[in-house]
């Protein structure tokens, strides 16, 4: 499955906005973003800027990936809300956004789609496993030993046993989300 940045914003607007929780005030002209520190409502444009921003935080692209997971998880949580099914307008908007924003490979069945929907609510690591590729520094040099170990768990389809030392949202050892 694939979603573009436009689909990202459309999905946020389809659910009536999401909550984002920046850990610091963020003013990023390149991402067209200006938000205060703390939890707040975001429409599609603001959520997209938040998910794209990487120039104003200590960890740059690492934080950008964290923000993307936060937005995707918030979209998933809103989609699974009872309001999506009770409110016919919201139901229509969510289905329209999904059909116009998501590209799904041929042969994807209903169970795979259901698993995708569930996974969208868990990409923030609170209710699931979120691992950044193990890196050694912010120049983004892979930590070869940790990266190969993590990839071994993924290759063996054994992600439930990935140890915490290999699985951090940032990819940096000892730096959690």
Protein backbone atom coordinates (compact mmCIF):
# COMPACT_ATOMS: atom_id res chain seq x y z
CA UNK A 1 0.00 0.00 0.00
CA UNK A 2 1.14 3.50 -0.72
CA UNK A 3 -0.11 6.95 0.20
CA UNK A 4 1.24 10.25 -1.08
CA UNK A 5 1.51 13.50 0.83
CA UNK A 6 -1.72 14.80 -0.73
CA UNK A 7 -3.49 11.67 0.44
CA UNK A 8 -2.04 12.21 3.89
CA UNK A 9 -3.69 15.65 4.12
CA UNK A 10 -6.95 14.42 2.55
CA UNK A 11 -7.16 11.60 5.09
CA UNK A 12 -6.74 14.02 8.01
CA UNK A 13 -9.43 16.33 6.63
CA UNK A 14 -11.77 13.37 5.96
CA UNK A 15 -11.83 12.50 9.67
CA UNK A 16 -12.31 16.13 10.68
CA UNK A 17 -8.74 16.71 11.86
CA UNK A 18 -6.42 14.97 14.30
CA UNK A 19 -4.53 15.77 17.46
CA UNK A 20 -0.79 16.36 17.23
CA UNK A 21 1.48 16.80 20.25
CA UNK A 22 4.72 18.62 19.39
CA UNK A 23 7.33 18.46 22.14
CA UNK A 24 8.50 21.98 21.25
CA UNK A 25 7.27 25.06 19.39
CA UNK A 26 7.91 24.47 15.68
CA UNK A 27 8.36 27.13 13.02
CA UNK A 28 9.54 25.50 9.80
CA UNK A 29 9.14 27.66 6.70
CA UNK A 30 10.11 24.81 4.38
CA UNK A 31 7.31 22.62 5.76
CA UNK A 32 4.92 25.61 5.98
CA UNK A 33 4.47 24.92 9.65
CA UNK A 34 3.94 27.10 12.70
CA UNK A 35 2.69 25.28 15.81
CA UNK A 36 3.01 25.76 19.53
CA UNK A 37 4.33 23.16 21.98
CA UNK A 38 1.76 20.70 23.30
CA UNK A 39 -1.29 18.86 22.08
CA UNK A 40 -3.56 20.63 19.60
CA UNK A 41 -5.96 19.98 16.74
CA UNK A 42 -4.53 19.93 13.23
CA UNK A 43 -6.23 19.99 9.85
CA UNK A 44 -4.74 18.26 6.82
CA UNK A 45 -2.35 21.07 5.86
CA UNK A 46 -1.00 21.49 9.40
CA UNK A 47 -0.68 17.71 9.91
CA UNK A 48 1.19 17.43 6.61
CA UNK A 49 3.58 20.21 7.61
CA UNK A 50 4.12 18.54 10.98
CA UNK A 51 4.82 15.18 9.32
CA UNK A 52 7.27 16.77 6.85
CA UNK A 53 9.15 19.03 9.27
CA UNK A 54 12.75 18.07 9.95
CA UNK A 55 14.65 21.35 10.09
CA UNK A 56 13.70 22.62 13.54
CA UNK A 57 14.28 19.67 15.84
CA UNK A 58 17.32 18.13 17.46
CA UNK A 59 17.05 14.83 15.60
CA UNK A 60 16.01 16.10 12.12
CA UNK A 61 14.88 13.18 9.94
CA UNK A 62 14.57 10.92 12.97
CA UNK A 63 11.98 13.32 14.45
CA UNK A 64 10.30 13.64 11.05
CA UNK A 65 9.75 9.88 11.01
CA UNK A 66 8.38 10.07 14.56
CA UNK A 67 5.94 12.82 13.52
CA UNK A 68 4.84 10.76 10.50
CA UNK A 69 4.07 7.79 12.75
CA UNK A 70 2.16 10.07 15.12
CA UNK A 71 0.01 11.44 12.29
CA UNK A 72 -0.64 8.04 10.70
CA UNK A 73 -1.61 6.58 14.07
CA UNK A 74 -3.94 9.51 14.77
CA UNK A 75 -5.62 9.08 11.37
CA UNK A 76 -6.07 5.35 12.07
CA UNK A 77 -7.55 6.03 15.51
CA UNK A 78 -10.00 8.54 14.06
CA UNK A 79 -11.01 6.19 11.25
CA UNK A 80 -11.84 3.40 13.70
CA UNK A 81 -13.91 5.78 15.83
CA UNK A 82 -17.63 4.94 15.99
CA UNK A 83 -18.30 8.39 14.49
CA UNK A 84 -16.90 7.19 11.19
CA UNK A 85 -19.71 4.66 10.95
CA UNK A 86 -22.47 6.62 12.70
CA UNK A 87 -22.05 9.86 10.75
CA UNK A 88 -22.89 9.25 7.07
CA UNK A 89 -21.03 12.38 5.92
CA UNK A 90 -17.85 11.36 7.70
CA UNK A 91 -18.27 7.78 6.44
CA UNK A 92 -18.52 9.08 2.87
CA UNK A 93 -15.50 11.40 3.29
CA UNK A 94 -13.32 8.66 4.79
CA UNK A 95 -14.19 6.20 2.03
CA UNK A 96 -13.64 8.83 -0.66
CA UNK A 97 -10.26 9.79 0.85
CA UNK A 98 -9.23 6.13 1.11
CA UNK A 99 -10.21 5.30 -2.45
CA UNK A 100 -8.51 8.38 -3.91
CA UNK A 101 -5.44 8.45 -1.64
CA UNK A 102 -4.37 4.84 -1.18
CA UNK A 103 -2.79 2.72 -3.88
CA UNK A 104 -3.34 -0.96 -3.18
CA UNK A 105 -1.53 -3.72 -5.02
CA UNK A 106 -3.48 -6.21 -7.07
CA UNK A 107 -4.49 -9.25 -5.09
CA UNK A 108 -4.76 -7.48 -1.73
CA UNK A 109 -7.63 -9.17 0.05
CA UNK A 110 -10.05 -8.02 2.75
CA UNK A 111 -8.02 -9.55 5.60
CA UNK A 112 -4.87 -7.74 4.47
CA UNK A 113 -6.87 -4.48 4.31
CA UNK A 114 -8.26 -5.07 7.81
CA UNK A 115 -4.75 -5.78 9.14
CA UNK A 116 -3.52 -2.59 7.46
CA UNK A 117 -6.28 -0.59 9.14
CA UNK A 118 -5.42 -2.04 12.53
CA UNK A 119 -1.71 -1.45 11.97
CA UNK A 120 -2.39 2.22 11.17
CA UNK A 121 -3.58 2.71 14.74
CA UNK A 122 -0.39 1.19 16.15
CA UNK A 123 2.49 2.80 14.26
CA UNK A 124 3.21 5.18 17.12
CA UNK A 125 4.60 2.34 19.23
CA UNK A 126 2.10 2.72 22.07
CA UNK A 127 0.09 -0.35 21.09
CA UNK A 128 2.52 -2.01 18.75
CA UNK A 129 6.14 -2.40 17.82
CA UNK A 130 7.85 0.54 16.17
CA UNK A 131 11.51 0.27 15.26
CA UNK A 132 13.68 2.72 13.44
CA UNK A 133 16.54 1.16 11.51
CA UNK A 134 19.43 0.98 14.00
CA UNK A 135 21.79 3.86 13.33
CA UNK A 136 25.09 4.84 14.92
CA UNK A 137 24.76 8.63 14.59
CA UNK A 138 22.71 11.40 13.02
CA UNK A 139 24.74 11.35 9.86
CA UNK A 140 22.63 8.21 9.45
CA UNK A 141 25.26 5.54 9.39
CA UNK A 142 23.67 2.20 10.07
CA UNK A 143 24.74 0.42 13.20
CA UNK A 144 25.66 -2.67 11.17
CA UNK A 145 25.57 -5.19 14.02
CA UNK A 146 22.20 -4.01 15.40
CA UNK A 147 20.73 -3.47 11.91
CA UNK A 148 21.60 -6.98 10.73
CA UNK A 149 20.20 -8.44 13.95
CA UNK A 150 16.92 -6.52 13.51
CA UNK A 151 16.68 -7.50 9.84
CA UNK A 152 17.19 -11.13 10.88
CA UNK A 153 14.09 -10.96 13.11
CA UNK A 154 12.11 -9.38 10.27
CA UNK A 155 13.34 -11.94 7.71
CA UNK A 156 12.36 -14.80 10.03
CA UNK A 157 8.92 -13.16 10.59
CA UNK A 158 9.71 -13.13 14.29
CA UNK A 159 9.19 -9.46 15.14
CA UNK A 160 7.40 -10.29 18.38
CA UNK A 161 10.76 -11.31 19.85
CA UNK A 162 12.76 -8.21 18.84
CA UNK A 163 14.63 -7.10 21.97
CA UNK A 164 14.36 -3.49 23.17
CA UNK A 165 18.07 -2.88 22.53
CA UNK A 166 17.36 -3.32 18.80
CA UNK A 167 14.02 -1.56 18.70
CA UNK A 168 13.91 2.17 19.35
CA UNK A 169 11.66 4.56 17.48
CA UNK A 170 14.64 6.76 16.71
CA UNK A 171 17.01 3.97 15.69
CA UNK A 172 19.62 5.42 18.05
CA UNK A 173 20.70 3.16 20.93
CA UNK A 174 19.17 4.32 24.18
CA UNK A 175 17.15 7.16 22.59
CA UNK A 176 13.48 6.25 22.75
CA UNK A 177 10.55 8.24 21.36
